[in-house]
Amino acid sequence: MSKNYGPERLVVGAHYGARDWLVQRVSAALIALFTLVLLVQLLAPGPLGYDRWAGIFSAQWMKVLTFVVIVSLAWHAWIGIRDIWMDYVKPAAVRLTLQVLSIVWLVGCAGWAVQVLWRL
């Protein structure tokens, strides 16, 4: 009989968490950095209107940072959603369907955000 704990535990399967844990922390740090950069620009003196918003996102470095944050946010959300489906949805067919629908939704949201960012 195999032990289910300790150093002799047989580890097989997918996702043991180290990479996903690191991605969650790095993406959260990027999202926090983006939030701070955006707040600094929004709290600067002057009227807040369309021209100011357009000015904030017209700089190339801000477009690149926003794109990186969009990708990070989608990946961050995917890890969380996937873990919820894996933990709480036991029938494999239902879980796979929910995972595919989640991926389609996240890719669609990221694509829409990029379209808005670069006015495609």
PDB file of N, CA and C in Angstrom:
ATOM      1  N   MET A   1       0.836  -1.171   0.000  1.00  0.00           N
ATOM      2  CA  MET A   1       0.000   0.000   0.000  1.00  0.00           C
ATOM      3  C   MET A   1       0.886   1.241   0.000  1.00  0.00           C
ATOM      4  N   SER A   2       0.608   2.198  -0.892  1.00  0.00           N
ATOM      5  CA  SER A   2       1.445   3.389  -1.002  1.00  0.00           C
ATOM      6  C   SER A   2       1.034   4.439   0.031  1.00  0.00           C
ATOM      7  N   LYS A   3       2.043   5.190   0.463  1.00  0.00           N
ATOM      8  CA  LYS A   3       1.773   6.269   1.417  1.00  0.00           C
ATOM      9  C   LYS A   3       1.326   7.508   0.641  1.00  0.00           C
ATOM     10  N   ASN A   4       0.392   8.230   1.191  1.00  0.00           N
ATOM     11  CA  ASN A   4      -0.143   9.421   0.552  1.00  0.00           C
ATOM     12  C   ASN A   4       0.464  10.700   1.135  1.00  0.00           C
ATOM     13  N   TYR A   5       1.542  10.579   1.903  1.00  0.00           N
ATOM     14  CA  TYR A   5       2.153  11.727   2.545  1.00  0.00           C
ATOM     15  C   TYR A   5       3.649  11.454   2.707  1.00  0.00           C
ATOM     16  N   GLY A   6       4.397  12.493   3.030  1.00  0.00           N
ATOM     17  CA  GLY A   6       5.820  12.335   3.309  1.00  0.00           C
ATOM     18  C   GLY A   6       6.676  12.225   2.069  1.00  0.00           C
ATOM     19  N   PRO A   7       7.993  11.994   2.269  1.00  0.00           N
ATOM     20  CA  PRO A   7       8.932  11.973   1.147  1.00  0.00           C
ATOM     21  C   PRO A   7       8.765  10.770   0.223  1.00  0.00           C
ATOM     22  N   GLU A   8       8.106   9.716   0.684  1.00  0.00           N
ATOM     23  CA  GLU A   8       7.913   8.545  -0.170  1.00  0.00           C
ATOM     24  C   GLU A   8       6.644   8.632  -1.004  1.00  0.00           C
ATOM     25  N   ARG A   9       5.943   9.739  -0.915  1.00  0.00           N
ATOM     26  CA  ARG A   9       4.703   9.917  -1.664  1.00  0.00           C
ATOM     27  C   ARG A   9       4.992   9.868  -3.157  1.00  0.00           C
ATOM     28  N   LEU A  10       4.179   9.148  -3.892  1.00  0.00           N
ATOM     29  CA  LEU A  10       4.309   9.052  -5.335  1.00  0.00           C
ATOM     30  C   LEU A  10       3.618  10.258  -5.954  1.00  0.00           C
ATOM     31  N   VAL A  11       4.393  11.110  -6.614  1.00  0.00           N
ATOM     32  CA  VAL A  11       3.857  12.340  -7.182  1.00  0.00           C
ATOM     33  C   VAL A  11       3.742  12.156  -8.687  1.00  0.00           C
ATOM     34  N   VAL A  12       2.523  12.089  -9.172  1.00  0.00           N
ATOM     35  CA  VAL A  12       2.270  11.984 -10.602  1.00  0.00           C
ATOM     36  C   VAL A  12       1.141  12.940 -10.950  1.00  0.00           C
ATOM     37  N   GLY A  13       1.064  13.323 -12.196  1.00  0.00           N
ATOM     38  CA  GLY A  13      -0.010  14.195 -12.624  1.00  0.00           C
ATOM     39  C   GLY A  13       0.516  15.561 -13.006  1.00  0.00           C
ATOM     40  N   ALA A  14      -0.387  16.506 -13.079  1.00  0.00           N
ATOM     41  CA  ALA A  14      -0.024  17.838 -13.556  1.00  0.00           C
ATOM     42  C   ALA A  14      -0.176  18.869 -12.450  1.00  0.00           C
ATOM     43  N   HIS A  15       0.549  19.940 -12.568  1.00  0.00           N
ATOM     44  CA  HIS A  15       0.439  21.137 -11.747  1.00  0.00           C
ATOM     45  C   HIS A  15       0.680  20.886 -10.265  1.00  0.00           C
ATOM     46  N   TYR A  16       1.882  21.151  -9.851  1.00  0.00           N
ATOM     47  CA  TYR A  16       2.178  21.045  -8.427  1.00  0.00           C
ATOM     48  C   TYR A  16       2.340  22.390  -7.782  1.00  0.00           C
ATOM     49  N   GLY A  17       2.106  23.457  -8.534  1.00  0.00           N
ATOM     50  CA  GLY A  17       1.902  24.729  -7.910  1.00  0.00           C
ATOM     51  C   GLY A  17       3.023  25.730  -7.885  1.00  0.00           C
ATOM     52  N   ALA A  18       4.279  25.333  -7.976  1.00  0.00           N
ATOM     53  CA  ALA A  18       5.367  26.301  -7.836  1.00  0.00           C
ATOM     54  C   ALA A  18       5.341  27.342  -8.954  1.00  0.00           C
ATOM     55  N   ARG A  19       5.206  26.897 -10.186  1.00  0.00           N
ATOM     56  CA  ARG A  19       5.170  27.839 -11.308  1.00  0.00           C
ATOM     57  C   ARG A  19       3.929  28.726 -11.229  1.00  0.00           C
ATOM     58  N   ASP A  20       2.787  28.131 -10.946  1.00  0.00           N
ATOM     59  CA  ASP A  20       1.550  28.898 -10.854  1.00  0.00           C
ATOM     60  C   ASP A  20       1.599  29.889  -9.698  1.00  0.00           C
ATOM     61  N   TRP A  21       2.185  29.484  -8.579  1.00  0.00           N
ATOM     62  CA  TRP A  21       2.334  30.378  -7.434  1.00  0.00           C
ATOM     63  C   TRP A  21       3.185  31.577  -7.824  1.00  0.00           C
ATOM     64  N   LEU A  22       4.295  31.315  -8.523  1.00  0.00           N
ATOM     65  CA  LEU A  22       5.184  32.395  -8.946  1.00  0.00           C
ATOM     66  C   LEU A  22       4.499  33.323  -9.955  1.00  0.00           C
ATOM     67  N   VAL A  23       3.771  32.752 -10.903  1.00  0.00           N
ATOM     68  CA  VAL A  23       3.052  33.570 -11.895  1.00  0.00           C
ATOM     69  C   VAL A  23       2.025  34.454 -11.192  1.00  0.00           C
ATOM     70  N   GLN A  24       1.314  33.912 -10.214  1.00  0.00           N
ATOM     71  CA  GLN A  24       0.329  34.710  -9.481  1.00  0.00           C
ATOM     72  C   GLN A  24       1.002  35.895  -8.793  1.00  0.00           C
ATOM     73  N   ARG A  25       2.164  35.668  -8.174  1.00  0.00           N
ATOM     74  CA  ARG A  25       2.846  36.750  -7.444  1.00  0.00           C
ATOM     75  C   ARG A  25       3.420  37.787  -8.397  1.00  0.00           C
ATOM     76  N   VAL A  26       4.057  37.344  -9.478  1.00  0.00           N
ATOM     77  CA  VAL A  26       4.650  38.283 -10.439  1.00  0.00           C
ATOM     78  C   VAL A  26       3.558  39.083 -11.134  1.00  0.00           C
ATOM     79  N   SER A  27       2.482  38.420 -11.548  1.00  0.00           N
ATOM     80  CA  SER A  27       1.403  39.150 -12.223  1.00  0.00           C
ATOM     81  C   SER A  27       0.724  40.123 -11.260  1.00  0.00           C
ATOM     82  N   ALA A  28       0.561  39.745 -10.009  1.00  0.00           N
ATOM     83  CA  ALA A  28      -0.026  40.662  -9.024  1.00  0.00           C
ATOM     84  C   ALA A  28       0.871  41.878  -8.821  1.00  0.00           C
ATOM     85  N   ALA A  29       2.187  41.673  -8.799  1.00  0.00           N
ATOM     86  CA  ALA A  29       3.116  42.793  -8.660  1.00  0.00           C
ATOM     87  C   ALA A  29       3.034  43.720  -9.874  1.00  0.00           C
ATOM     88  N   LEU A  30       2.935  43.153 -11.065  1.00  0.00           N
ATOM     89  CA  LEU A  30       2.798  43.976 -12.273  1.00  0.00           C
ATOM     90  C   LEU A  30       1.498  44.773 -12.268  1.00  0.00           C
ATOM     91  N   ILE A  31       0.421  44.145 -11.849  1.00  0.00           N
ATOM     92  CA  ILE A  31      -0.865  44.834 -11.783  1.00  0.00           C
ATOM     93  C   ILE A  31      -0.798  45.962 -10.752  1.00  0.00           C
ATOM     94  N   ALA A  32      -0.156  45.716  -9.611  1.00  0.00           N
ATOM     95  CA  ALA A  32       0.001  46.761  -8.595  1.00  0.00           C
ATOM     96  C   ALA A  32       0.858  47.912  -9.128  1.00  0.00           C
ATOM     97  N   LEU A  33       1.938  47.596  -9.829  1.00  0.00           N
ATOM     98  CA  LEU A  33       2.791  48.632 -10.415  1.00  0.00           C
ATOM     99  C   LEU A  33       2.001  49.483 -11.414  1.00  0.00           C
ATOM    100  N   PHE A  34       1.233  48.833 -12.268  1.00  0.00           N
ATOM    101  CA  PHE A  34       0.417  49.545 -13.247  1.00  0.00           C
ATOM    102  C   PHE A  34      -0.584  50.465 -12.546  1.00  0.00           C
ATOM    103  N   THR A  35      -1.203  49.973 -11.491  1.00  0.00           N
ATOM    104  CA  THR A  35      -2.165  50.772 -10.742  1.00  0.00           C
ATOM    105  C   THR A  35      -1.497  52.015 -10.165  1.00  0.00           C
ATOM    106  N   LEU A  36      -0.298  51.849  -9.601  1.00  0.00           N
ATOM    107  CA  LEU A  36       0.424  52.996  -9.052  1.00  0.00           C
ATOM    108  C   LEU A  36       0.790  54.004 -10.135  1.00  0.00           C
ATOM    109  N   VAL A  37       1.286  53.524 -11.271  1.00  0.00           N
ATOM    110  CA  VAL A  37       1.640  54.417 -12.383  1.00  0.00           C
ATOM    111  C   VAL A  37       0.411  55.185 -12.852  1.00  0.00           C
ATOM    112  N   LEU A  38      -0.700  54.495 -12.982  1.00  0.00           N
ATOM    113  CA  LEU A  38      -1.934  55.144 -13.427  1.00  0.00           C
ATOM    114  C   LEU A  38      -2.419  56.163 -12.401  1.00  0.00           C
ATOM    115  N   LEU A  39      -2.355  55.810 -11.121  1.00  0.00           N
ATOM    116  CA  LEU A  39      -2.782  56.751 -10.076  1.00  0.00           C
ATOM    117  C   LEU A  39      -1.916  58.003 -10.060  1.00  0.00           C
ATOM    118  N   VAL A  40      -0.610  57.840 -10.212  1.00  0.00           N
ATOM    119  CA  VAL A  40       0.288  58.998 -10.237  1.00  0.00           C
ATOM    120  C   VAL A  40      -0.089  59.926 -11.382  1.00  0.00           C
ATOM    121  N   GLN A  41      -0.372  59.350 -12.531  1.00  0.00           N
ATOM    122  CA  GLN A  41      -0.732  60.186 -13.688  1.00  0.00           C
ATOM    123  C   GLN A  41      -2.105  60.826 -13.523  1.00  0.00           C
ATOM    124  N   LEU A  42      -3.025  60.130 -12.883  1.00  0.00           N
ATOM    125  CA  LEU A  42      -4.365  60.684 -12.700  1.00  0.00           C
ATOM    126  C   LEU A  42      -4.418  61.739 -11.601  1.00  0.00           C
ATOM    127  N   LEU A  43      -3.538  61.638 -10.613  1.00  0.00           N
ATOM    128  CA  LEU A  43      -3.546  62.595  -9.516  1.00  0.00           C
ATOM    129  C   LEU A  43      -2.767  63.860  -9.834  1.00  0.00           C
ATOM    130  N   ALA A  44      -2.134  63.911 -10.983  1.00  0.00           N
ATOM    131  CA  ALA A  44      -1.432  65.125 -11.396  1.00  0.00           C
ATOM    132  C   ALA A  44      -2.465  66.238 -11.589  1.00  0.00           C
ATOM    133  N   PRO A  45      -2.054  67.478 -11.349  1.00  0.00           N
ATOM    134  CA  PRO A  45      -3.016  68.577 -11.482  1.00  0.00           C
ATOM    135  C   PRO A  45      -3.492  68.759 -12.922  1.00  0.00           C
ATOM    136  N   GLY A  46      -4.688  69.240 -13.038  1.00  0.00           N
ATOM    137  CA  GLY A  46      -5.262  69.495 -14.356  1.00  0.00           C
ATOM    138  C   GLY A  46      -6.607  68.825 -14.495  1.00  0.00           C
ATOM    139  N   PRO A  47      -7.384  69.254 -15.492  1.00  0.00           N
ATOM    140  CA  PRO A  47      -8.714  68.666 -15.694  1.00  0.00           C
ATOM    141  C   PRO A  47      -8.615  67.225 -16.204  1.00  0.00           C
ATOM    142  N   LEU A  48      -9.531  66.415 -15.745  1.00  0.00           N
ATOM    143  CA  LEU A  48      -9.555  65.005 -16.146  1.00  0.00           C
ATOM    144  C   LEU A  48     -10.635  64.832 -17.208  1.00  0.00           C
ATOM    145  N   GLY A  49     -10.206  64.695 -18.447  1.00  0.00           N
ATOM    146  CA  GLY A  49     -11.139  64.520 -19.554  1.00  0.00           C
ATOM    147  C   GLY A  49     -10.545  63.572 -20.582  1.00  0.00           C
ATOM    148  N   TYR A  50     -11.193  63.526 -21.724  1.00  0.00           N
ATOM    149  CA  TYR A  50     -10.749  62.620 -22.781  1.00  0.00           C
ATOM    150  C   TYR A  50      -9.315  62.907 -23.216  1.00  0.00           C
ATOM    151  N   ASP A  51      -8.974  64.196 -23.349  1.00  0.00           N
ATOM    152  CA  ASP A  51      -7.625  64.547 -23.804  1.00  0.00           C
ATOM    153  C   ASP A  51      -6.552  64.028 -22.854  1.00  0.00           C
ATOM    154  N   ARG A  52      -6.842  64.103 -21.577  1.00  0.00           N
ATOM    155  CA  ARG A  52      -5.867  63.613 -20.597  1.00  0.00           C
ATOM    156  C   ARG A  52      -5.735  62.091 -20.657  1.00  0.00           C
ATOM    157  N   TRP A  53      -6.872  61.390 -20.735  1.00  0.00           N
ATOM    158  CA  TRP A  53      -6.832  59.931 -20.862  1.00  0.00           C
ATOM    159  C   TRP A  53      -6.076  59.522 -22.125  1.00  0.00           C
ATOM    160  N   ALA A  54      -6.372  60.198 -23.218  1.00  0.00           N
ATOM    161  CA  ALA A  54      -5.680  59.881 -24.473  1.00  0.00           C
ATOM    162  C   ALA A  54      -4.197  60.167 -24.348  1.00  0.00           C
ATOM    163  N   GLY A  55      -3.844  61.229 -23.640  1.00  0.00           N
ATOM    164  CA  GLY A  55      -2.438  61.557 -23.441  1.00  0.00           C
ATOM    165  C   GLY A  55      -1.704  60.524 -22.603  1.00  0.00           C
ATOM    166  N   ILE A  56      -2.383  60.017 -21.583  1.00  0.00           N
ATOM    167  CA  ILE A  56      -1.760  58.992 -20.722  1.00  0.00           C
ATOM    168  C   ILE A  56      -1.410  57.758 -21.542  1.00  0.00           C
ATOM    169  N   PHE A  57      -2.330  57.318 -22.375  1.00  0.00           N
ATOM    170  CA  PHE A  57      -2.125  56.071 -23.116  1.00  0.00           C
ATOM    171  C   PHE A  57      -1.504  56.274 -24.493  1.00  0.00           C
ATOM    172  N   SER A  58      -1.121  57.503 -24.839  1.00  0.00           N
ATOM    173  CA  SER A  58      -0.487  57.726 -26.138  1.00  0.00           C
ATOM    174  C   SER A  58       1.009  57.423 -26.109  1.00  0.00           C
ATOM    175  N   ALA A  59       1.626  57.485 -24.933  1.00  0.00           N
ATOM    176  CA  ALA A  59       3.057  57.183 -24.830  1.00  0.00           C
ATOM    177  C   ALA A  59       3.294  55.691 -25.081  1.00  0.00           C
ATOM    178  N   GLN A  60       4.331  55.388 -25.830  1.00  0.00           N
ATOM    179  CA  GLN A  60       4.607  53.990 -26.189  1.00  0.00           C
ATOM    180  C   GLN A  60       4.896  53.134 -24.961  1.00  0.00           C
ATOM    181  N   TRP A  61       5.633  53.683 -23.973  1.00  0.00           N
ATOM    182  CA  TRP A  61       5.951  52.901 -22.774  1.00  0.00           C
ATOM    183  C   TRP A  61       4.682  52.529 -22.009  1.00  0.00           C
ATOM    184  N   MET A  62       3.682  53.423 -22.026  1.00  0.00           N
ATOM    185  CA  MET A  62       2.421  53.127 -21.337  1.00  0.00           C
ATOM    186  C   MET A  62       1.626  52.072 -22.097  1.00  0.00           C
ATOM    187  N   LYS A  63       1.673  52.122 -23.424  1.00  0.00           N
ATOM    188  CA  LYS A  63       1.004  51.084 -24.214  1.00  0.00           C
ATOM    189  C   LYS A  63       1.628  49.720 -23.957  1.00  0.00           C
ATOM    190  N   VAL A  64       2.957  49.677 -23.893  1.00  0.00           N
ATOM    191  CA  VAL A  64       3.646  48.404 -23.634  1.00  0.00           C
ATOM    192  C   VAL A  64       3.313  47.909 -22.233  1.00  0.00           C
ATOM    193  N   LEU A  65       3.377  48.803 -21.242  1.00  0.00           N
ATOM    194  CA  LEU A  65       3.041  48.408 -19.866  1.00  0.00           C
ATOM    195  C   LEU A  65       1.601  47.923 -19.779  1.00  0.00           C
ATOM    196  N   THR A  66       0.688  48.610 -20.445  1.00  0.00           N
ATOM    197  CA  THR A  66      -0.718  48.204 -20.420  1.00  0.00           C
ATOM    198  C   THR A  66      -0.905  46.842 -21.082  1.00  0.00           C
ATOM    199  N   PHE A  67      -0.218  46.603 -22.197  1.00  0.00           N
ATOM    200  CA  PHE A  67      -0.311  45.300 -22.866  1.00  0.00           C
ATOM    201  C   PHE A  67       0.211  44.185 -21.961  1.00  0.00           C
ATOM    202  N   VAL A  68       1.343  44.424 -21.320  1.00  0.00           N
ATOM    203  CA  VAL A  68       1.915  43.422 -20.405  1.00  0.00           C
ATOM    204  C   VAL A  68       0.946  43.155 -19.251  1.00  0.00           C
ATOM    205  N   VAL A  69       0.311  44.189 -18.749  1.00  0.00           N
ATOM    206  CA  VAL A  69      -0.643  44.016 -17.652  1.00  0.00           C
ATOM    207  C   VAL A  69      -1.893  43.277 -18.121  1.00  0.00           C
ATOM    208  N   ILE A  70      -2.340  43.539 -19.338  1.00  0.00           N
ATOM    209  CA  ILE A  70      -3.503  42.811 -19.870  1.00  0.00           C
ATOM    210  C   ILE A  70      -3.200  41.315 -19.940  1.00  0.00           C
ATOM    211  N   VAL A  71      -2.032  40.972 -20.468  1.00  0.00           N
ATOM    212  CA  VAL A  71      -1.636  39.560 -20.557  1.00  0.00           C
ATOM    213  C   VAL A  71      -1.481  38.969 -19.152  1.00  0.00           C
ATOM    214  N   SER A  72      -0.849  39.722 -18.252  1.00  0.00           N
ATOM    215  CA  SER A  72      -0.661  39.250 -16.874  1.00  0.00           C
ATOM    216  C   SER A  72      -1.992  39.034 -16.171  1.00  0.00           C
ATOM    217  N   LEU A  73      -2.914  39.956 -16.386  1.00  0.00           N
ATOM    218  CA  LEU A  73      -4.231  39.837 -15.752  1.00  0.00           C
ATOM    219  C   LEU A  73      -4.980  38.610 -16.260  1.00  0.00           C
ATOM    220  N   ALA A  74      -4.906  38.380 -17.562  1.00  0.00           N
ATOM    221  CA  ALA A  74      -5.578  37.201 -18.128  1.00  0.00           C
ATOM    222  C   ALA A  74      -4.959  35.915 -17.584  1.00  0.00           C
ATOM    223  N   TRP A  75      -3.629  35.867 -17.503  1.00  0.00           N
ATOM    224  CA  TRP A  75      -2.958  34.671 -16.979  1.00  0.00           C
ATOM    225  C   TRP A  75      -3.276  34.491 -15.498  1.00  0.00           C
ATOM    226  N   HIS A  76      -3.248  35.575 -14.745  1.00  0.00           N
ATOM    227  CA  HIS A  76      -3.570  35.549 -13.316  1.00  0.00           C
ATOM    228  C   HIS A  76      -4.988  35.004 -13.111  1.00  0.00           C
ATOM    229  N   ALA A  77      -5.932  35.530 -13.898  1.00  0.00           N
ATOM    230  CA  ALA A  77      -7.320  35.075 -13.792  1.00  0.00           C
ATOM    231  C   ALA A  77      -7.456  33.611 -14.201  1.00  0.00           C
ATOM    232  N   TRP A  78      -6.736  33.201 -15.246  1.00  0.00           N
ATOM    233  CA  TRP A  78      -6.817  31.818 -15.696  1.00  0.00           C
ATOM    234  C   TRP A  78      -6.388  30.855 -14.597  1.00  0.00           C
ATOM    235  N   ILE A  79      -5.294  31.167 -13.918  1.00  0.00           N
ATOM    236  CA  ILE A  79      -4.815  30.269 -12.858  1.00  0.00           C
ATOM    237  C   ILE A  79      -5.870  30.150 -11.757  1.00  0.00           C
ATOM    238  N   GLY A  80      -6.451  31.267 -11.368  1.00  0.00           N
ATOM    239  CA  GLY A  80      -7.477  31.221 -10.329  1.00  0.00           C
ATOM    240  C   GLY A  80      -8.719  30.465 -10.758  1.00  0.00           C
ATOM    241  N   ILE A  81      -9.189  30.746 -11.962  1.00  0.00           N
ATOM    242  CA  ILE A  81     -10.393  30.067 -12.461  1.00  0.00           C
ATOM    243  C   ILE A  81     -10.134  28.572 -12.634  1.00  0.00           C
ATOM    244  N   ARG A  82      -8.975  28.235 -13.215  1.00  0.00           N
ATOM    245  CA  ARG A  82      -8.651  26.820 -13.421  1.00  0.00           C
ATOM    246  C   ARG A  82      -8.601  26.071 -12.095  1.00  0.00           C
ATOM    247  N   ASP A  83      -8.009  26.693 -11.077  1.00  0.00           N
ATOM    248  CA  ASP A  83      -7.935  26.036  -9.768  1.00  0.00           C
ATOM    249  C   ASP A  83      -9.321  25.835  -9.165  1.00  0.00           C
ATOM    250  N   ILE A  84     -10.196  26.807  -9.348  1.00  0.00           N
ATOM    251  CA  ILE A  84     -11.564  26.652  -8.844  1.00  0.00           C
ATOM    252  C   ILE A  84     -12.255  25.492  -9.551  1.00  0.00           C
ATOM    253  N   TRP A  85     -12.147  25.439 -10.878  1.00  0.00           N
ATOM    254  CA  TRP A  85     -12.781  24.335 -11.616  1.00  0.00           C
ATOM    255  C   TRP A  85     -12.173  22.999 -11.199  1.00  0.00           C
ATOM    256  N   MET A  86     -10.849  22.936 -11.038  1.00  0.00           N
ATOM    257  CA  MET A  86     -10.207  21.660 -10.675  1.00  0.00           C
ATOM    258  C   MET A  86     -10.583  21.222  -9.264  1.00  0.00           C
ATOM    259  N   ASP A  87     -10.778  22.182  -8.349  1.00  0.00           N
ATOM    260  CA  ASP A  87     -11.081  21.832  -6.961  1.00  0.00           C
ATOM    261  C   ASP A  87     -12.543  21.472  -6.736  1.00  0.00           C
ATOM    262  N   TYR A  88     -13.453  22.148  -7.442  1.00  0.00           N
ATOM    263  CA  TYR A  88     -14.864  22.026  -7.082  1.00  0.00           C
ATOM    264  C   TYR A  88     -15.747  21.355  -8.116  1.00  0.00           C
ATOM    265  N   VAL A  89     -15.268  21.152  -9.334  1.00  0.00           N
ATOM    266  CA  VAL A  89     -16.082  20.499 -10.354  1.00  0.00           C
ATOM    267  C   VAL A  89     -15.462  19.131 -10.625  1.00  0.00           C
ATOM    268  N   LYS A  90     -16.123  18.088 -10.193  1.00  0.00           N
ATOM    269  CA  LYS A  90     -15.543  16.746 -10.278  1.00  0.00           C
ATOM    270  C   LYS A  90     -15.775  16.024 -11.610  1.00  0.00           C
ATOM    271  N   PRO A  91     -16.938  16.133 -12.250  1.00  0.00           N
ATOM    272  CA  PRO A  91     -17.097  15.435 -13.537  1.00  0.00           C
ATOM    273  C   PRO A  91     -16.145  16.041 -14.583  1.00  0.00           C
ATOM    274  N   ALA A  92     -15.323  15.193 -15.177  1.00  0.00           N
ATOM    275  CA  ALA A  92     -14.275  15.666 -16.086  1.00  0.00           C
ATOM    276  C   ALA A  92     -14.843  16.417 -17.294  1.00  0.00           C
ATOM    277  N   ALA A  93     -15.938  15.940 -17.847  1.00  0.00           N
ATOM    278  CA  ALA A  93     -16.505  16.590 -19.035  1.00  0.00           C
ATOM    279  C   ALA A  93     -17.008  17.995 -18.707  1.00  0.00           C
ATOM    280  N   VAL A  94     -17.646  18.143 -17.570  1.00  0.00           N
ATOM    281  CA  VAL A  94     -18.144  19.462 -17.159  1.00  0.00           C
ATOM    282  C   VAL A  94     -16.971  20.392 -16.880  1.00  0.00           C
ATOM    283  N   ARG A  95     -15.963  19.875 -16.177  1.00  0.00           N
ATOM    284  CA  ARG A  95     -14.781  20.674 -15.857  1.00  0.00           C
ATOM    285  C   ARG A  95     -14.068  21.121 -17.129  1.00  0.00           C
ATOM    286  N   LEU A  96     -13.885  20.235 -18.082  1.00  0.00           N
ATOM    287  CA  LEU A  96     -13.224  20.582 -19.338  1.00  0.00           C
ATOM    288  C   LEU A  96     -14.033  21.629 -20.109  1.00  0.00           C
ATOM    289  N   THR A  97     -15.341  21.462 -20.136  1.00  0.00           N
ATOM    290  CA  THR A  97     -16.194  22.443 -20.810  1.00  0.00           C
ATOM    291  C   THR A  97     -16.059  23.819 -20.162  1.00  0.00           C
ATOM    292  N   LEU A  98     -16.089  23.870 -18.835  1.00  0.00           N
ATOM    293  CA  LEU A  98     -15.944  25.136 -18.131  1.00  0.00           C
ATOM    294  C   LEU A  98     -14.572  25.754 -18.365  1.00  0.00           C
ATOM    295  N   GLN A  99     -13.537  24.914 -18.408  1.00  0.00           N
ATOM    296  CA  GLN A  99     -12.190  25.430 -18.656  1.00  0.00           C
ATOM    297  C   GLN A  99     -12.076  26.017 -20.066  1.00  0.00           C
ATOM    298  N   VAL A 100     -12.626  25.324 -21.051  1.00  0.00           N
ATOM    299  CA  VAL A 100     -12.578  25.831 -22.429  1.00  0.00           C
ATOM    300  C   VAL A 100     -13.364  27.137 -22.543  1.00  0.00           C
ATOM    301  N   LEU A 101     -14.537  27.196 -21.941  1.00  0.00           N
ATOM    302  CA  LEU A 101     -15.332  28.426 -21.968  1.00  0.00           C
ATOM    303  C   LEU A 101     -14.592  29.566 -21.261  1.00  0.00           C
ATOM    304  N   SER A 102     -13.911  29.248 -20.180  1.00  0.00           N
ATOM    305  CA  SER A 102     -13.138  30.264 -19.461  1.00  0.00           C
ATOM    306  C   SER A 102     -11.993  30.791 -20.315  1.00  0.00           C
ATOM    307  N   ILE A 103     -11.302  29.904 -21.007  1.00  0.00           N
ATOM    308  CA  ILE A 103     -10.203  30.329 -21.883  1.00  0.00           C
ATOM    309  C   ILE A 103     -10.733  31.220 -23.000  1.00  0.00           C
ATOM    310  N   VAL A 104     -11.826  30.813 -23.612  1.00  0.00           N
ATOM    311  CA  VAL A 104     -12.415  31.614 -24.695  1.00  0.00           C
ATOM    312  C   VAL A 104     -12.798  32.994 -24.167  1.00  0.00           C
ATOM    313  N   TRP A 105     -13.419  33.050 -22.999  1.00  0.00           N
ATOM    314  CA  TRP A 105     -13.827  34.320 -22.416  1.00  0.00           C
ATOM    315  C   TRP A 105     -12.604  35.197 -22.119  1.00  0.00           C
ATOM    316  N   LEU A 106     -11.556  34.631 -21.501  1.00  0.00           N
ATOM    317  CA  LEU A 106     -10.371  35.412 -21.150  1.00  0.00           C
ATOM    318  C   LEU A 106      -9.638  35.907 -22.393  1.00  0.00           C
ATOM    319  N   VAL A 107      -9.510  35.073 -23.399  1.00  0.00           N
ATOM    320  CA  VAL A 107      -8.855  35.502 -24.642  1.00  0.00           C
ATOM    321  C   VAL A 107      -9.675  36.602 -25.307  1.00  0.00           C
ATOM    322  N   GLY A 108     -11.003  36.455 -25.294  1.00  0.00           N
ATOM    323  CA  GLY A 108     -11.866  37.495 -25.858  1.00  0.00           C
ATOM    324  C   GLY A 108     -11.726  38.819 -25.116  1.00  0.00           C
ATOM    325  N   CYS A 109     -11.693  38.763 -23.796  1.00  0.00           N
ATOM    326  CA  CYS A 109     -11.532  39.992 -23.005  1.00  0.00           C
ATOM    327  C   CYS A 109     -10.172  40.633 -23.255  1.00  0.00           C
ATOM    328  N   ALA A 110      -9.114  39.824 -23.300  1.00  0.00           N
ATOM    329  CA  ALA A 110      -7.775  40.359 -23.565  1.00  0.00           C
ATOM    330  C   ALA A 110      -7.702  40.952 -24.968  1.00  0.00           C
ATOM    331  N   GLY A 111      -8.288  40.272 -25.938  1.00  0.00           N
ATOM    332  CA  GLY A 111      -8.311  40.787 -27.308  1.00  0.00           C
ATOM    333  C   GLY A 111      -9.071  42.094 -27.404  1.00  0.00           C
ATOM    334  N   TRP A 112     -10.197  42.191 -26.709  1.00  0.00           N
ATOM    335  CA  TRP A 112     -10.974  43.421 -26.713  1.00  0.00           C
ATOM    336  C   TRP A 112     -10.182  44.554 -26.064  1.00  0.00           C
ATOM    337  N   ALA A 113      -9.476  44.261 -24.961  1.00  0.00           N
ATOM    338  CA  ALA A 113      -8.679  45.283 -24.285  1.00  0.00           C
ATOM    339  C   ALA A 113      -7.560  45.795 -25.187  1.00  0.00           C
ATOM    340  N   VAL A 114      -6.914  44.892 -25.920  1.00  0.00           N
ATOM    341  CA  VAL A 114      -5.863  45.300 -26.853  1.00  0.00           C
ATOM    342  C   VAL A 114      -6.464  46.135 -27.979  1.00  0.00           C
ATOM    343  N   GLN A 115      -7.631  45.743 -28.451  1.00  0.00           N
ATOM    344  CA  GLN A 115      -8.312  46.503 -29.506  1.00  0.00           C
ATOM    345  C   GLN A 115      -8.605  47.924 -29.029  1.00  0.00           C
ATOM    346  N   VAL A 116      -9.077  48.076 -27.805  1.00  0.00           N
ATOM    347  CA  VAL A 116      -9.350  49.397 -27.256  1.00  0.00           C
ATOM    348  C   VAL A 116      -8.041  50.174 -27.087  1.00  0.00           C
ATOM    349  N   LEU A 117      -7.010  49.508 -26.604  1.00  0.00           N
ATOM    350  CA  LEU A 117      -5.718  50.172 -26.353  1.00  0.00           C
ATOM    351  C   LEU A 117      -5.114  50.720 -27.624  1.00  0.00           C
ATOM    352  N   TRP A 118      -5.145  49.920 -28.684  1.00  0.00           N
ATOM    353  CA  TRP A 118      -4.485  50.338 -29.924  1.00  0.00           C
ATOM    354  C   TRP A 118      -5.465  50.769 -31.005  1.00  0.00           C
ATOM    355  N   ARG A 119      -6.732  50.945 -30.620  1.00  0.00           N
ATOM    356  CA  ARG A 119      -7.768  51.418 -31.546  1.00  0.00           C
ATOM    357  C   ARG A 119      -7.806  50.611 -32.852  1.00  0.00           C
ATOM    358  N   LEU A 120      -7.832  49.324 -32.722  1.00  0.00           N
ATOM    359  CA  LEU A 120      -7.858  48.451 -33.909  1.00  0.00           C
ATOM    360  C   LEU A 120      -9.264  48.308 -34.451  1.00  0.00           C
TER     361      LEU A 120
END
